[in-house]
Amino acid sequence: MGWTHIEDKICKARKNHKCWCCGELIEKGEKYVSRFGYDEGPIKMAMHIKCEDITKDWDYMDWKTHDQTEFRRVE
């Protein structure tokens, strides 16, 4: 089937989240990207804004095969 992107929102965290890309903490009060879509069911993920920026050019396989332990945030 593959990924179907529905919506991205910039949100201010009301609680701590884990970044789907790098695995690091998104702290309460920090702005982040909330992404919603479908891939064999609904998926909602939270990402640091900088992490989302790095992944803008990723294709489907990049998302399927990325490794949080190797993904590094760019400060």
PDB file of N, CA and C in Angstrom:
ATOM      1  N   MET A   1       0.817  -1.183   0.000  1.00  0.00           N
ATOM      2  CA  MET A   1       0.000   0.000   0.000  1.00  0.00           C
ATOM      3  C   MET A   1       0.865   1.252   0.000  1.00  0.00           C
ATOM      4  N   GLY A   2       1.737   1.443   0.989  1.00  0.00           N
ATOM      5  CA  GLY A   2       2.586   2.617   1.040  1.00  0.00           C
ATOM      6  C   GLY A   2       2.000   3.734   1.884  1.00  0.00           C
ATOM      7  N   TRP A   3       2.830   4.681   2.172  1.00  0.00           N
ATOM      8  CA  TRP A   3       2.496   5.811   3.028  1.00  0.00           C
ATOM      9  C   TRP A   3       1.579   6.798   2.319  1.00  0.00           C
ATOM     10  N   THR A   4       0.546   7.240   2.999  1.00  0.00           N
ATOM     11  CA  THR A   4      -0.319   8.318   2.530  1.00  0.00           C
ATOM     12  C   THR A   4      -0.258   9.432   3.567  1.00  0.00           C
ATOM     13  N   HIS A   5       0.297  10.556   3.175  1.00  0.00           N
ATOM     14  CA  HIS A   5       0.435  11.705   4.073  1.00  0.00           C
ATOM     15  C   HIS A   5      -0.880  12.467   4.123  1.00  0.00           C
ATOM     16  N   ILE A   6      -1.343  12.775   5.313  1.00  0.00           N
ATOM     17  CA  ILE A   6      -2.601  13.497   5.480  1.00  0.00           C
ATOM     18  C   ILE A   6      -2.346  14.939   5.915  1.00  0.00           C
ATOM     19  N   GLU A   7      -1.572  15.128   6.992  1.00  0.00           N
ATOM     20  CA  GLU A   7      -1.451  16.467   7.541  1.00  0.00           C
ATOM     21  C   GLU A   7      -0.220  16.610   8.429  1.00  0.00           C
ATOM     22  N   ASP A   8       0.396  17.790   8.389  1.00  0.00           N
ATOM     23  CA  ASP A   8       1.442  18.210   9.323  1.00  0.00           C
ATOM     24  C   ASP A   8       0.952  19.439  10.056  1.00  0.00           C
ATOM     25  N   LYS A   9       1.263  19.518  11.331  1.00  0.00           N
ATOM     26  CA  LYS A   9       0.948  20.692  12.137  1.00  0.00           C
ATOM     27  C   LYS A   9       2.166  21.038  12.979  1.00  0.00           C
ATOM     28  N   ILE A  10       2.403  22.323  13.163  1.00  0.00           N
ATOM     29  CA  ILE A  10       3.393  22.766  14.135  1.00  0.00           C
ATOM     30  C   ILE A  10       2.632  22.959  15.445  1.00  0.00           C
ATOM     31  N   CYS A  11       3.071  22.255  16.477  1.00  0.00           N
ATOM     32  CA  CYS A  11       2.382  22.288  17.761  1.00  0.00           C
ATOM     33  C   CYS A  11       3.359  22.678  18.863  1.00  0.00           C
ATOM     34  N   LYS A  12       2.812  23.107  19.973  1.00  0.00           N
ATOM     35  CA  LYS A  12       3.598  23.335  21.181  1.00  0.00           C
ATOM     36  C   LYS A  12       3.273  22.181  22.119  1.00  0.00           C
ATOM     37  N   ALA A  13       4.296  21.446  22.519  1.00  0.00           N
ATOM     38  CA  ALA A  13       4.094  20.229  23.313  1.00  0.00           C
ATOM     39  C   ALA A  13       3.454  20.532  24.663  1.00  0.00           C
ATOM     40  N   ARG A  14       2.352  19.851  24.931  1.00  0.00           N
ATOM     41  CA  ARG A  14       1.698  19.958  26.236  1.00  0.00           C
ATOM     42  C   ARG A  14       2.214  18.897  27.194  1.00  0.00           C
ATOM     43  N   LYS A  15       2.950  17.946  26.636  1.00  0.00           N
ATOM     44  CA  LYS A  15       3.613  16.894  27.426  1.00  0.00           C
ATOM     45  C   LYS A  15       4.871  16.500  26.669  1.00  0.00           C
ATOM     46  N   ASN A  16       5.726  15.730  27.292  1.00  0.00           N
ATOM     47  CA  ASN A  16       6.930  15.248  26.619  1.00  0.00           C
ATOM     48  C   ASN A  16       6.565  14.219  25.555  1.00  0.00           C
ATOM     49  N   HIS A  17       7.306  14.252  24.450  1.00  0.00           N
ATOM     50  CA  HIS A  17       7.152  13.282  23.369  1.00  0.00           C
ATOM     51  C   HIS A  17       8.526  12.737  23.012  1.00  0.00           C
ATOM     52  N   LYS A  18       8.553  11.653  22.287  1.00  0.00           N
ATOM     53  CA  LYS A  18       9.794  11.105  21.745  1.00  0.00           C
ATOM     54  C   LYS A  18       9.794  11.383  20.246  1.00  0.00           C
ATOM     55  N   CYS A  19      10.881  11.974  19.740  1.00  0.00           N
ATOM     56  CA  CYS A  19      10.984  12.267  18.313  1.00  0.00           C
ATOM     57  C   CYS A  19      11.079  10.960  17.530  1.00  0.00           C
ATOM     58  N   TRP A  20      10.230  10.834  16.533  1.00  0.00           N
ATOM     59  CA  TRP A  20      10.201   9.624  15.719  1.00  0.00           C
ATOM     60  C   TRP A  20      11.482   9.459  14.908  1.00  0.00           C
ATOM     61  N   CYS A  21      12.134  10.553  14.559  1.00  0.00           N
ATOM     62  CA  CYS A  21      13.348  10.478  13.732  1.00  0.00           C
ATOM     63  C   CYS A  21      14.590  10.149  14.546  1.00  0.00           C
ATOM     64  N   CYS A  22      14.869  10.951  15.571  1.00  0.00           N
ATOM     65  CA  CYS A  22      16.131  10.794  16.298  1.00  0.00           C
ATOM     66  C   CYS A  22      15.978  10.050  17.615  1.00  0.00           C
ATOM     67  N   GLY A  23      14.753   9.915  18.107  1.00  0.00           N
ATOM     68  CA  GLY A  23      14.534   9.201  19.357  1.00  0.00           C
ATOM     69  C   GLY A  23      14.783  10.044  20.599  1.00  0.00           C
ATOM     70  N   GLU A  24      15.192  11.296  20.420  1.00  0.00           N
ATOM     71  CA  GLU A  24      15.445  12.167  21.561  1.00  0.00           C
ATOM     72  C   GLU A  24      14.141  12.793  22.057  1.00  0.00           C
ATOM     73  N   LEU A  25      14.210  13.361  23.243  1.00  0.00           N
ATOM     74  CA  LEU A  25      13.045  13.946  23.887  1.00  0.00           C
ATOM     75  C   LEU A  25      12.619  15.257  23.231  1.00  0.00           C
ATOM     76  N   ILE A  26      11.336  15.412  23.023  1.00  0.00           N
ATOM     77  CA  ILE A  26      10.711  16.700  22.701  1.00  0.00           C
ATOM     78  C   ILE A  26      10.087  17.134  24.011  1.00  0.00           C
ATOM     79  N   GLU A  27      10.619  18.186  24.588  1.00  0.00           N
ATOM     80  CA  GLU A  27      10.200  18.589  25.930  1.00  0.00           C
ATOM     81  C   GLU A  27       8.905  19.400  25.925  1.00  0.00           C
ATOM     82  N   LYS A  28       8.171  19.274  27.019  1.00  0.00           N
ATOM     83  CA  LYS A  28       6.958  20.052  27.217  1.00  0.00           C
ATOM     84  C   LYS A  28       7.279  21.524  26.982  1.00  0.00           C
ATOM     85  N   GLY A  29       6.461  22.200  26.165  1.00  0.00           N
ATOM     86  CA  GLY A  29       6.659  23.610  25.845  1.00  0.00           C
ATOM     87  C   GLY A  29       7.433  23.851  24.569  1.00  0.00           C
ATOM     88  N   GLU A  30       8.112  22.820  24.038  1.00  0.00           N
ATOM     89  CA  GLU A  30       8.894  22.942  22.805  1.00  0.00           C
ATOM     90  C   GLU A  30       7.979  22.819  21.586  1.00  0.00           C
ATOM     91  N   LYS A  31       8.249  23.579  20.541  1.00  0.00           N
ATOM     92  CA  LYS A  31       7.506  23.435  19.289  1.00  0.00           C
ATOM     93  C   LYS A  31       8.020  22.199  18.564  1.00  0.00           C
ATOM     94  N   TYR A  32       7.095  21.484  17.909  1.00  0.00           N
ATOM     95  CA  TYR A  32       7.444  20.277  17.174  1.00  0.00           C
ATOM     96  C   TYR A  32       6.463  20.086  16.020  1.00  0.00           C
ATOM     97  N   VAL A  33       6.793  19.160  15.132  1.00  0.00           N
ATOM     98  CA  VAL A  33       5.915  18.819  14.011  1.00  0.00           C
ATOM     99  C   VAL A  33       5.118  17.574  14.384  1.00  0.00           C
ATOM    100  N   SER A  34       3.807  17.680  14.271  1.00  0.00           N
ATOM    101  CA  SER A  34       2.920  16.535  14.447  1.00  0.00           C
ATOM    102  C   SER A  34       2.477  16.101  13.054  1.00  0.00           C
ATOM    103  N   ARG A  35       2.821  14.871  12.670  1.00  0.00           N
ATOM    104  CA  ARG A  35       2.494  14.363  11.330  1.00  0.00           C
ATOM    105  C   ARG A  35       1.488  13.232  11.457  1.00  0.00           C
ATOM    106  N   PHE A  36       0.487  13.263  10.577  1.00  0.00           N
ATOM    107  CA  PHE A  36      -0.536  12.229  10.560  1.00  0.00           C
ATOM    108  C   PHE A  36      -0.658  11.670   9.158  1.00  0.00           C
ATOM    109  N   GLY A  37      -0.777  10.357   9.064  1.00  0.00           N
ATOM    110  CA  GLY A  37      -0.961   9.698   7.778  1.00  0.00           C
ATOM    111  C   GLY A  37      -1.364   8.243   7.986  1.00  0.00           C
ATOM    112  N   TYR A  38      -1.321   7.480   6.896  1.00  0.00           N
ATOM    113  CA  TYR A  38      -1.685   6.065   6.928  1.00  0.00           C
ATOM    114  C   TYR A  38      -0.620   5.229   6.240  1.00  0.00           C
ATOM    115  N   ASP A  39      -0.321   4.070   6.815  1.00  0.00           N
ATOM    116  CA  ASP A  39       0.529   3.039   6.232  1.00  0.00           C
ATOM    117  C   ASP A  39       0.140   1.740   6.910  1.00  0.00           C
ATOM    118  N   GLU A  40      -0.760   1.006   6.318  1.00  0.00           N
ATOM    119  CA  GLU A  40      -1.328  -0.197   6.932  1.00  0.00           C
ATOM    120  C   GLU A  40      -2.048   0.162   8.232  1.00  0.00           C
ATOM    121  N   GLY A  41      -2.627   1.330   8.308  1.00  0.00           N
ATOM    122  CA  GLY A  41      -3.329   1.838   9.481  1.00  0.00           C
ATOM    123  C   GLY A  41      -2.866   3.248   9.789  1.00  0.00           C
ATOM    124  N   PRO A  42      -3.581   3.943  10.684  1.00  0.00           N
ATOM    125  CA  PRO A  42      -3.233   5.327  10.995  1.00  0.00           C
ATOM    126  C   PRO A  42      -1.906   5.423  11.747  1.00  0.00           C
ATOM    127  N   ILE A  43      -1.132   6.452  11.433  1.00  0.00           N
ATOM    128  CA  ILE A  43       0.142   6.714  12.100  1.00  0.00           C
ATOM    129  C   ILE A  43       0.185   8.189  12.470  1.00  0.00           C
ATOM    130  N   LYS A  44       0.512   8.456  13.715  1.00  0.00           N
ATOM    131  CA  LYS A  44       0.733   9.826  14.174  1.00  0.00           C
ATOM    132  C   LYS A  44       2.129   9.858  14.776  1.00  0.00           C
ATOM    133  N   MET A  45       2.954  10.796  14.316  1.00  0.00           N
ATOM    134  CA  MET A  45       4.312  10.873  14.828  1.00  0.00           C
ATOM    135  C   MET A  45       4.658  12.299  15.205  1.00  0.00           C
ATOM    136  N   ALA A  46       5.551  12.430  16.167  1.00  0.00           N
ATOM    137  CA  ALA A  46       6.068  13.723  16.611  1.00  0.00           C
ATOM    138  C   ALA A  46       7.532  13.799  16.215  1.00  0.00           C
ATOM    139  N   MET A  47       7.947  14.979  15.702  1.00  0.00           N
ATOM    140  CA  MET A  47       9.341  15.167  15.291  1.00  0.00           C
ATOM    141  C   MET A  47       9.803  16.562  15.669  1.00  0.00           C
ATOM    142  N   HIS A  48      11.077  16.675  16.046  1.00  0.00           N
ATOM    143  CA  HIS A  48      11.661  17.999  16.199  1.00  0.00           C
ATOM    144  C   HIS A  48      11.542  18.722  14.860  1.00  0.00           C
ATOM    145  N   ILE A  49      11.396  20.026  14.893  1.00  0.00           N
ATOM    146  CA  ILE A  49      11.290  20.801  13.654  1.00  0.00           C
ATOM    147  C   ILE A  49      12.548  20.614  12.806  1.00  0.00           C
ATOM    148  N   LYS A  50      13.730  20.595  13.433  1.00  0.00           N
ATOM    149  CA  LYS A  50      14.976  20.411  12.674  1.00  0.00           C
ATOM    150  C   LYS A  50      15.061  19.001  12.082  1.00  0.00           C
ATOM    151  N   CYS A  51      14.570  18.010  12.804  1.00  0.00           N
ATOM    152  CA  CYS A  51      14.578  16.646  12.272  1.00  0.00           C
ATOM    153  C   CYS A  51      13.650  16.549  11.060  1.00  0.00           C
ATOM    154  N   GLU A  52      12.477  17.152  11.154  1.00  0.00           N
ATOM    155  CA  GLU A  52      11.543  17.127  10.032  1.00  0.00           C
ATOM    156  C   GLU A  52      12.153  17.828   8.826  1.00  0.00           C
ATOM    157  N   ASP A  53      12.889  18.911   9.057  1.00  0.00           N
ATOM    158  CA  ASP A  53      13.525  19.638   7.963  1.00  0.00           C
ATOM    159  C   ASP A  53      14.545  18.751   7.235  1.00  0.00           C
ATOM    160  N   ILE A  54      15.292  17.958   7.986  1.00  0.00           N
ATOM    161  CA  ILE A  54      16.289  17.056   7.400  1.00  0.00           C
ATOM    162  C   ILE A  54      15.621  15.996   6.531  1.00  0.00           C
ATOM    163  N   THR A  55      14.412  15.585   6.888  1.00  0.00           N
ATOM    164  CA  THR A  55      13.746  14.477   6.200  1.00  0.00           C
ATOM    165  C   THR A  55      12.840  14.917   5.048  1.00  0.00           C
ATOM    166  N   LYS A  56      12.795  16.197   4.739  1.00  0.00           N
ATOM    167  CA  LYS A  56      11.888  16.692   3.691  1.00  0.00           C
ATOM    168  C   LYS A  56      12.061  15.975   2.348  1.00  0.00           C
ATOM    169  N   ASP A  57      13.278  15.575   2.008  1.00  0.00           N
ATOM    170  CA  ASP A  57      13.538  14.934   0.716  1.00  0.00           C
ATOM    171  C   ASP A  57      13.560  13.407   0.798  1.00  0.00           C
ATOM    172  N   TRP A  58      13.227  12.844   1.938  1.00  0.00           N
ATOM    173  CA  TRP A  58      13.225  11.391   2.073  1.00  0.00           C
ATOM    174  C   TRP A  58      12.116  10.774   1.240  1.00  0.00           C
ATOM    175  N   ASP A  59      12.400   9.593   0.695  1.00  0.00           N
ATOM    176  CA  ASP A  59      11.359   8.843   0.002  1.00  0.00           C
ATOM    177  C   ASP A  59      10.824   7.748   0.947  1.00  0.00           C
ATOM    178  N   TYR A  60       9.912   6.961   0.437  1.00  0.00           N
ATOM    179  CA  TYR A  60       9.259   5.933   1.250  1.00  0.00           C
ATOM    180  C   TYR A  60      10.264   4.983   1.893  1.00  0.00           C
ATOM    181  N   MET A  61      11.273   4.543   1.125  1.00  0.00           N
ATOM    182  CA  MET A  61      12.266   3.598   1.662  1.00  0.00           C
ATOM    183  C   MET A  61      13.141   4.233   2.735  1.00  0.00           C
ATOM    184  N   ASP A  62      13.437   5.518   2.598  1.00  0.00           N
ATOM    185  CA  ASP A  62      14.201   6.195   3.652  1.00  0.00           C
ATOM    186  C   ASP A  62      13.447   6.120   4.983  1.00  0.00           C
ATOM    187  N   TRP A  63      12.135   6.329   4.933  1.00  0.00           N
ATOM    188  CA  TRP A  63      11.330   6.266   6.154  1.00  0.00           C
ATOM    189  C   TRP A  63      11.261   4.847   6.708  1.00  0.00           C
ATOM    190  N   LYS A  64      11.167   3.872   5.831  1.00  0.00           N
ATOM    191  CA  LYS A  64      11.040   2.483   6.272  1.00  0.00           C
ATOM    192  C   LYS A  64      12.334   1.942   6.869  1.00  0.00           C
ATOM    193  N   THR A  65      13.481   2.453   6.410  1.00  0.00           N
ATOM    194  CA  THR A  65      14.753   1.848   6.793  1.00  0.00           C
ATOM    195  C   THR A  65      15.617   2.708   7.707  1.00  0.00           C
ATOM    196  N   HIS A  66      15.155   3.903   8.082  1.00  0.00           N
ATOM    197  CA  HIS A  66      16.001   4.763   8.922  1.00  0.00           C
ATOM    198  C   HIS A  66      16.209   4.141  10.297  1.00  0.00           C
ATOM    199  N   ASP A  67      17.342   4.454  10.898  1.00  0.00           N
ATOM    200  CA  ASP A  67      17.731   3.914  12.199  1.00  0.00           C
ATOM    201  C   ASP A  67      17.920   5.084  13.160  1.00  0.00           C
ATOM    202  N   GLN A  68      17.102   5.140  14.212  1.00  0.00           N
ATOM    203  CA  GLN A  68      17.184   6.256  15.162  1.00  0.00           C
ATOM    204  C   GLN A  68      18.572   6.375  15.779  1.00  0.00           C
ATOM    205  N   THR A  69      19.264   5.250  15.967  1.00  0.00           N
ATOM    206  CA  THR A  69      20.581   5.317  16.605  1.00  0.00           C
ATOM    207  C   THR A  69      21.623   5.957  15.695  1.00  0.00           C
ATOM    208  N   GLU A  70      21.376   5.972  14.390  1.00  0.00           N
ATOM    209  CA  GLU A  70      22.304   6.599  13.448  1.00  0.00           C
ATOM    210  C   GLU A  70      21.853   7.981  13.021  1.00  0.00           C
ATOM    211  N   PHE A  71      20.615   8.335  13.277  1.00  0.00           N
ATOM    212  CA  PHE A  71      20.078   9.633  12.899  1.00  0.00           C
ATOM    213  C   PHE A  71      20.573  10.674  13.886  1.00  0.00           C
ATOM    214  N   ARG A  72      21.142  11.744  13.382  1.00  0.00           N
ATOM    215  CA  ARG A  72      21.676  12.789  14.255  1.00  0.00           C
ATOM    216  C   ARG A  72      20.977  14.106  13.980  1.00  0.00           C
ATOM    217  N   ARG A  73      20.552  14.780  15.028  1.00  0.00           N
ATOM    218  CA  ARG A  73      19.966  16.121  14.885  1.00  0.00           C
ATOM    219  C   ARG A  73      21.064  17.112  14.561  1.00  0.00           C
ATOM    220  N   VAL A  74      20.752  18.054  13.707  1.00  0.00           N
ATOM    221  CA  VAL A  74      21.676  19.114  13.368  1.00  0.00           C
ATOM    222  C   VAL A  74      21.270  20.334  14.163  1.00  0.00           C
ATOM    223  N   GLU A  75      22.151  20.804  15.003  1.00  0.00           N
ATOM    224  CA  GLU A  75      21.846  21.993  15.829  1.00  0.00           C
ATOM    225  C   GLU A  75      22.200  23.252  15.118  1.00  0.00           C
TER     226      GLU A  75
END
